[in-house]
Amino acid sequence: MPADPDRHRDSSSGTPRRRGEARKSFPLRLPHDLHEELRAWAEQEMRSLNSQIEYLLREAVRRRKGKS
């Protein structure tokens, strides 16, 4: 099956999404220690903190839905 030309991977999170897909911005309050853990993890994965959080949330949703 040919690749969908309107779909691409987010360059920082590696997450597939459609071109021009709307994104919702909102403030997220985290305890300082959790923020530092996520920041360090993102750095190890060579992602921005935002992309790391998005990646982790997508993985959690995927697992919750029972997909592998």
PDB file of N, CA and C in Angstrom:
ATOM      1  N   MET A   1       0.846  -1.168   0.000  1.00  0.00           N
ATOM      2  CA  MET A   1       0.000   0.000   0.000  1.00  0.00           C
ATOM      3  C   MET A   1       0.895   1.235   0.000  1.00  0.00           C
ATOM      4  N   PRO A   2       0.678   2.197  -0.909  1.00  0.00           N
ATOM      5  CA  PRO A   2       1.527   3.380  -0.957  1.00  0.00           C
ATOM      6  C   PRO A   2       1.323   4.256   0.278  1.00  0.00           C
ATOM      7  N   ALA A   3       2.367   4.969   0.630  1.00  0.00           N
ATOM      8  CA  ALA A   3       2.288   5.870   1.782  1.00  0.00           C
ATOM      9  C   ALA A   3       1.332   7.019   1.484  1.00  0.00           C
ATOM     10  N   ASP A   4       0.645   7.470   2.494  1.00  0.00           N
ATOM     11  CA  ASP A   4      -0.265   8.611   2.376  1.00  0.00           C
ATOM     12  C   ASP A   4       0.585   9.874   2.281  1.00  0.00           C
ATOM     13  N   PRO A   5       0.504  10.620   1.166  1.00  0.00           N
ATOM     14  CA  PRO A   5       1.345  11.807   1.006  1.00  0.00           C
ATOM     15  C   PRO A   5       0.999  12.923   1.984  1.00  0.00           C
ATOM     16  N   ASP A   6      -0.192  12.866   2.583  1.00  0.00           N
ATOM     17  CA  ASP A   6      -0.578  13.894   3.544  1.00  0.00           C
ATOM     18  C   ASP A   6      -0.172  13.544   4.969  1.00  0.00           C
ATOM     19  N   ARG A   7       0.473  12.402   5.116  1.00  0.00           N
ATOM     20  CA  ARG A   7       0.893  11.970   6.444  1.00  0.00           C
ATOM     21  C   ARG A   7       2.410  12.053   6.538  1.00  0.00           C
ATOM     22  N   HIS A   8       2.900  12.479   7.648  1.00  0.00           N
ATOM     23  CA  HIS A   8       4.340  12.514   7.873  1.00  0.00           C
ATOM     24  C   HIS A   8       4.613  12.299   9.355  1.00  0.00           C
ATOM     25  N   ARG A   9       5.864  12.099   9.688  1.00  0.00           N
ATOM     26  CA  ARG A   9       6.238  11.928  11.089  1.00  0.00           C
ATOM     27  C   ARG A   9       6.692  13.265  11.639  1.00  0.00           C
ATOM     28  N   ASP A  10       6.206  13.574  12.816  1.00  0.00           N
ATOM     29  CA  ASP A  10       6.661  14.766  13.510  1.00  0.00           C
ATOM     30  C   ASP A  10       8.166  14.618  13.692  1.00  0.00           C
ATOM     31  N   SER A  11       8.921  15.601  13.265  1.00  0.00           N
ATOM     32  CA  SER A  11      10.375  15.473  13.259  1.00  0.00           C
ATOM     33  C   SER A  11      10.976  15.286  14.645  1.00  0.00           C
ATOM     34  N   SER A  12      10.341  15.799  15.658  1.00  0.00           N
ATOM     35  CA  SER A  12      10.939  15.681  16.980  1.00  0.00           C
ATOM     36  C   SER A  12      10.397  14.515  17.789  1.00  0.00           C
ATOM     37  N   SER A  13       9.133  14.150  17.599  1.00  0.00           N
ATOM     38  CA  SER A  13       8.586  13.054  18.405  1.00  0.00           C
ATOM     39  C   SER A  13       8.548  11.738  17.658  1.00  0.00           C
ATOM     40  N   GLY A  14       8.658  11.781  16.317  1.00  0.00           N
ATOM     41  CA  GLY A  14       8.556  10.563  15.531  1.00  0.00           C
ATOM     42  C   GLY A  14       7.130  10.071  15.404  1.00  0.00           C
ATOM     43  N   THR A  15       6.192  10.878  15.850  1.00  0.00           N
ATOM     44  CA  THR A  15       4.787  10.495  15.846  1.00  0.00           C
ATOM     45  C   THR A  15       4.149  10.794  14.497  1.00  0.00           C
ATOM     46  N   PRO A  16       3.446   9.807  13.897  1.00  0.00           N
ATOM     47  CA  PRO A  16       2.782  10.094  12.633  1.00  0.00           C
ATOM     48  C   PRO A  16       1.622  11.065  12.832  1.00  0.00           C
ATOM     49  N   ARG A  17       1.496  12.022  11.926  1.00  0.00           N
ATOM     50  CA  ARG A  17       0.350  12.930  11.954  1.00  0.00           C
ATOM     51  C   ARG A  17       0.132  13.514  10.571  1.00  0.00           C
ATOM     52  N   ARG A  18      -1.049  14.048  10.344  1.00  0.00           N
ATOM     53  CA  ARG A  18      -1.390  14.635   9.051  1.00  0.00           C
ATOM     54  C   ARG A  18      -0.831  16.046   8.954  1.00  0.00           C
ATOM     55  N   ARG A  19      -0.421  16.415   7.741  1.00  0.00           N
ATOM     56  CA  ARG A  19       0.057  17.776   7.509  1.00  0.00           C
ATOM     57  C   ARG A  19      -1.060  18.757   7.853  1.00  0.00           C
ATOM     58  N   GLY A  20      -0.707  19.833   8.503  1.00  0.00           N
ATOM     59  CA  GLY A  20      -1.683  20.853   8.838  1.00  0.00           C
ATOM     60  C   GLY A  20      -2.621  20.458   9.971  1.00  0.00           C
ATOM     61  N   GLU A  21      -2.361  19.310  10.601  1.00  0.00           N
ATOM     62  CA  GLU A  21      -3.213  18.862  11.704  1.00  0.00           C
ATOM     63  C   GLU A  21      -3.190  19.914  12.813  1.00  0.00           C
ATOM     64  N   ALA A  22      -4.378  20.285  13.256  1.00  0.00           N
ATOM     65  CA  ALA A  22      -4.472  21.288  14.318  1.00  0.00           C
ATOM     66  C   ALA A  22      -3.872  20.742  15.607  1.00  0.00           C
ATOM     67  N   ARG A  23      -3.215  21.601  16.319  1.00  0.00           N
ATOM     68  CA  ARG A  23      -2.619  21.212  17.592  1.00  0.00           C
ATOM     69  C   ARG A  23      -3.172  22.149  18.656  1.00  0.00           C
ATOM     70  N   LYS A  24      -3.452  21.613  19.802  1.00  0.00           N
ATOM     71  CA  LYS A  24      -4.013  22.373  20.914  1.00  0.00           C
ATOM     72  C   LYS A  24      -2.909  22.695  21.908  1.00  0.00           C
ATOM     73  N   SER A  25      -2.801  23.950  22.249  1.00  0.00           N
ATOM     74  CA  SER A  25      -1.818  24.391  23.226  1.00  0.00           C
ATOM     75  C   SER A  25      -2.522  24.633  24.566  1.00  0.00           C
ATOM     76  N   PHE A  26      -1.903  24.173  25.647  1.00  0.00           N
ATOM     77  CA  PHE A  26      -2.469  24.426  26.977  1.00  0.00           C
ATOM     78  C   PHE A  26      -1.353  24.366  28.015  1.00  0.00           C
ATOM     79  N   PRO A  27      -1.516  25.090  29.116  1.00  0.00           N
ATOM     80  CA  PRO A  27      -0.488  25.048  30.162  1.00  0.00           C
ATOM     81  C   PRO A  27      -0.538  23.719  30.912  1.00  0.00           C
ATOM     82  N   LEU A  28       0.607  23.227  31.271  1.00  0.00           N
ATOM     83  CA  LEU A  28       0.706  21.984  32.033  1.00  0.00           C
ATOM     84  C   LEU A  28       1.566  22.264  33.259  1.00  0.00           C
ATOM     85  N   ARG A  29       1.002  22.072  34.406  1.00  0.00           N
ATOM     86  CA  ARG A  29       1.736  22.302  35.649  1.00  0.00           C
ATOM     87  C   ARG A  29       2.253  20.968  36.174  1.00  0.00           C
ATOM     88  N   LEU A  30       3.553  20.912  36.387  1.00  0.00           N
ATOM     89  CA  LEU A  30       4.198  19.688  36.867  1.00  0.00           C
ATOM     90  C   LEU A  30       5.028  19.998  38.105  1.00  0.00           C
ATOM     91  N   PRO A  31       5.151  19.033  38.995  1.00  0.00           N
ATOM     92  CA  PRO A  31       6.104  19.215  40.091  1.00  0.00           C
ATOM     93  C   PRO A  31       7.517  19.354  39.503  1.00  0.00           C
ATOM     94  N   HIS A  32       8.337  20.126  40.162  1.00  0.00           N
ATOM     95  CA  HIS A  32       9.687  20.400  39.657  1.00  0.00           C
ATOM     96  C   HIS A  32      10.470  19.112  39.393  1.00  0.00           C
ATOM     97  N   ASP A  33      10.391  18.150  40.316  1.00  0.00           N
ATOM     98  CA  ASP A  33      11.170  16.918  40.140  1.00  0.00           C
ATOM     99  C   ASP A  33      10.718  16.131  38.913  1.00  0.00           C
ATOM    100  N   LEU A  34       9.416  16.076  38.653  1.00  0.00           N
ATOM    101  CA  LEU A  34       8.915  15.376  37.469  1.00  0.00           C
ATOM    102  C   LEU A  34       9.341  16.103  36.196  1.00  0.00           C
ATOM    103  N   HIS A  35       9.274  17.420  36.221  1.00  0.00           N
ATOM    104  CA  HIS A  35       9.708  18.219  35.072  1.00  0.00           C
ATOM    105  C   HIS A  35      11.169  17.920  34.742  1.00  0.00           C
ATOM    106  N   GLU A  36      12.013  17.872  35.760  1.00  0.00           N
ATOM    107  CA  GLU A  36      13.437  17.598  35.541  1.00  0.00           C
ATOM    108  C   GLU A  36      13.662  16.189  35.002  1.00  0.00           C
ATOM    109  N   GLU A  37      12.928  15.209  35.517  1.00  0.00           N
ATOM    110  CA  GLU A  37      13.040  13.832  35.013  1.00  0.00           C
ATOM    111  C   GLU A  37      12.651  13.764  33.540  1.00  0.00           C
ATOM    112  N   LEU A  38      11.548  14.404  33.186  1.00  0.00           N
ATOM    113  CA  LEU A  38      11.086  14.395  31.794  1.00  0.00           C
ATOM    114  C   LEU A  38      12.056  15.139  30.883  1.00  0.00           C
ATOM    115  N   ARG A  39      12.593  16.263  31.375  1.00  0.00           N
ATOM    116  CA  ARG A  39      13.549  17.032  30.577  1.00  0.00           C
ATOM    117  C   ARG A  39      14.794  16.200  30.290  1.00  0.00           C
ATOM    118  N   ALA A  40      15.310  15.514  31.307  1.00  0.00           N
ATOM    119  CA  ALA A  40      16.500  14.679  31.126  1.00  0.00           C
ATOM    120  C   ALA A  40      16.211  13.517  30.177  1.00  0.00           C
ATOM    121  N   TRP A  41      15.056  12.910  30.310  1.00  0.00           N
ATOM    122  CA  TRP A  41      14.657  11.800  29.438  1.00  0.00           C
ATOM    123  C   TRP A  41      14.547  12.289  28.003  1.00  0.00           C
ATOM    124  N   ALA A  42      13.926  13.440  27.810  1.00  0.00           N
ATOM    125  CA  ALA A  42      13.792  14.011  26.467  1.00  0.00           C
ATOM    126  C   ALA A  42      15.169  14.256  25.856  1.00  0.00           C
ATOM    127  N   GLU A  43      16.080  14.766  26.652  1.00  0.00           N
ATOM    128  CA  GLU A  43      17.438  15.028  26.165  1.00  0.00           C
ATOM    129  C   GLU A  43      18.112  13.730  25.726  1.00  0.00           C
ATOM    130  N   GLN A  44      17.953  12.663  26.499  1.00  0.00           N
ATOM    131  CA  GLN A  44      18.532  11.365  26.143  1.00  0.00           C
ATOM    132  C   GLN A  44      17.945  10.834  24.836  1.00  0.00           C
ATOM    133  N   GLU A  45      16.673  11.110  24.606  1.00  0.00           N
ATOM    134  CA  GLU A  45      15.985  10.643  23.397  1.00  0.00           C
ATOM    135  C   GLU A  45      16.138  11.630  22.236  1.00  0.00           C
ATOM    136  N   MET A  46      16.872  12.728  22.486  1.00  0.00           N
ATOM    137  CA  MET A  46      17.089  13.781  21.485  1.00  0.00           C
ATOM    138  C   MET A  46      15.756  14.332  20.974  1.00  0.00           C
ATOM    139  N   ARG A  47      14.864  14.612  21.914  1.00  0.00           N
ATOM    140  CA  ARG A  47      13.572  15.223  21.614  1.00  0.00           C
ATOM    141  C   ARG A  47      13.436  16.481  22.456  1.00  0.00           C
ATOM    142  N   SER A  48      12.542  17.359  22.025  1.00  0.00           N
ATOM    143  CA  SER A  48      12.189  18.482  22.881  1.00  0.00           C
ATOM    144  C   SER A  48      11.343  17.940  24.027  1.00  0.00           C
ATOM    145  N   LEU A  49      11.246  18.692  25.090  1.00  0.00           N
ATOM    146  CA  LEU A  49      10.415  18.269  26.218  1.00  0.00           C
ATOM    147  C   LEU A  49       8.970  18.102  25.765  1.00  0.00           C
ATOM    148  N   ASN A  50       8.466  19.036  24.980  1.00  0.00           N
ATOM    149  CA  ASN A  50       7.098  18.949  24.478  1.00  0.00           C
ATOM    150  C   ASN A  50       6.892  17.672  23.661  1.00  0.00           C
ATOM    151  N   SER A  51       7.813  17.372  22.771  1.00  0.00           N
ATOM    152  CA  SER A  51       7.688  16.171  21.941  1.00  0.00           C
ATOM    153  C   SER A  51       7.773  14.900  22.772  1.00  0.00           C
ATOM    154  N   GLN A  52       8.604  14.916  23.806  1.00  0.00           N
ATOM    155  CA  GLN A  52       8.712  13.747  24.683  1.00  0.00           C
ATOM    156  C   GLN A  52       7.395  13.506  25.414  1.00  0.00           C
ATOM    157  N   ILE A  53       6.801  14.559  25.934  1.00  0.00           N
ATOM    158  CA  ILE A  53       5.525  14.422  26.639  1.00  0.00           C
ATOM    159  C   ILE A  53       4.447  13.943  25.676  1.00  0.00           C
ATOM    160  N   GLU A  54       4.408  14.494  24.462  1.00  0.00           N
ATOM    161  CA  GLU A  54       3.432  14.049  23.463  1.00  0.00           C
ATOM    162  C   GLU A  54       3.641  12.565  23.143  1.00  0.00           C
ATOM    163  N   TYR A  55       4.881  12.163  22.955  1.00  0.00           N
ATOM    164  CA  TYR A  55       5.190  10.762  22.658  1.00  0.00           C
ATOM    165  C   TYR A  55       4.696   9.849  23.787  1.00  0.00           C
ATOM    166  N   LEU A  56       5.002  10.214  25.022  1.00  0.00           N
ATOM    167  CA  LEU A  56       4.592   9.395  26.166  1.00  0.00           C
ATOM    168  C   LEU A  56       3.074   9.318  26.292  1.00  0.00           C
ATOM    169  N   LEU A  57       2.397  10.421  26.048  1.00  0.00           N
ATOM    170  CA  LEU A  57       0.931  10.414  26.105  1.00  0.00           C
ATOM    171  C   LEU A  57       0.339   9.541  25.005  1.00  0.00           C
ATOM    172  N   ARG A  58       0.886   9.641  23.792  1.00  0.00           N
ATOM    173  CA  ARG A  58       0.390   8.796  22.694  1.00  0.00           C
ATOM    174  C   ARG A  58       0.608   7.315  22.995  1.00  0.00           C
ATOM    175  N   GLU A  59       1.759   6.973  23.556  1.00  0.00           N
ATOM    176  CA  GLU A  59       2.033   5.586  23.923  1.00  0.00           C
ATOM    177  C   GLU A  59       1.042   5.102  24.983  1.00  0.00           C
ATOM    178  N   ALA A  60       0.766   5.930  25.971  1.00  0.00           N
ATOM    179  CA  ALA A  60      -0.183   5.554  27.027  1.00  0.00           C
ATOM    180  C   ALA A  60      -1.581   5.343  26.453  1.00  0.00           C
ATOM    181  N   VAL A  61      -2.004   6.206  25.545  1.00  0.00           N
ATOM    182  CA  VAL A  61      -3.324   6.064  24.917  1.00  0.00           C
ATOM    183  C   VAL A  61      -3.364   4.797  24.075  1.00  0.00           C
ATOM    184  N   ARG A  62      -2.301   4.542  23.312  1.00  0.00           N
ATOM    185  CA  ARG A  62      -2.240   3.342  22.474  1.00  0.00           C
ATOM    186  C   ARG A  62      -2.353   2.087  23.344  1.00  0.00           C
ATOM    187  N   ARG A  63      -1.619   2.050  24.424  1.00  0.00           N
ATOM    188  CA  ARG A  63      -1.665   0.885  25.320  1.00  0.00           C
ATOM    189  C   ARG A  63      -3.036   0.734  25.969  1.00  0.00           C
ATOM    190  N   ARG A  64      -3.625   1.840  26.340  1.00  0.00           N
ATOM    191  CA  ARG A  64      -4.948   1.798  26.971  1.00  0.00           C
ATOM    192  C   ARG A  64      -5.984   1.225  26.015  1.00  0.00           C
ATOM    193  N   LYS A  65      -5.833   1.539  24.729  1.00  0.00           N
ATOM    194  CA  LYS A  65      -6.753   1.021  23.716  1.00  0.00           C
ATOM    195  C   LYS A  65      -6.480  -0.446  23.405  1.00  0.00           C
ATOM    196  N   GLY A  66      -5.371  -0.976  23.906  1.00  0.00           N
ATOM    197  CA  GLY A  66      -5.048  -2.378  23.694  1.00  0.00           C
ATOM    198  C   GLY A  66      -4.338  -2.672  22.397  1.00  0.00           C
ATOM    199  N   LYS A  67      -3.792  -1.640  21.770  1.00  0.00           N
ATOM    200  CA  LYS A  67      -3.031  -1.841  20.532  1.00  0.00           C
ATOM    201  C   LYS A  67      -1.590  -2.143  20.895  1.00  0.00           C
ATOM    202  N   SER A  68      -0.914  -2.850  19.985  1.00  0.00           N
ATOM    203  CA  SER A  68       0.502  -3.133  20.252  1.00  0.00           C
ATOM    204  C   SER A  68       1.402  -2.491  19.245  1.00  0.00           C
TER     205      SER A  68
END
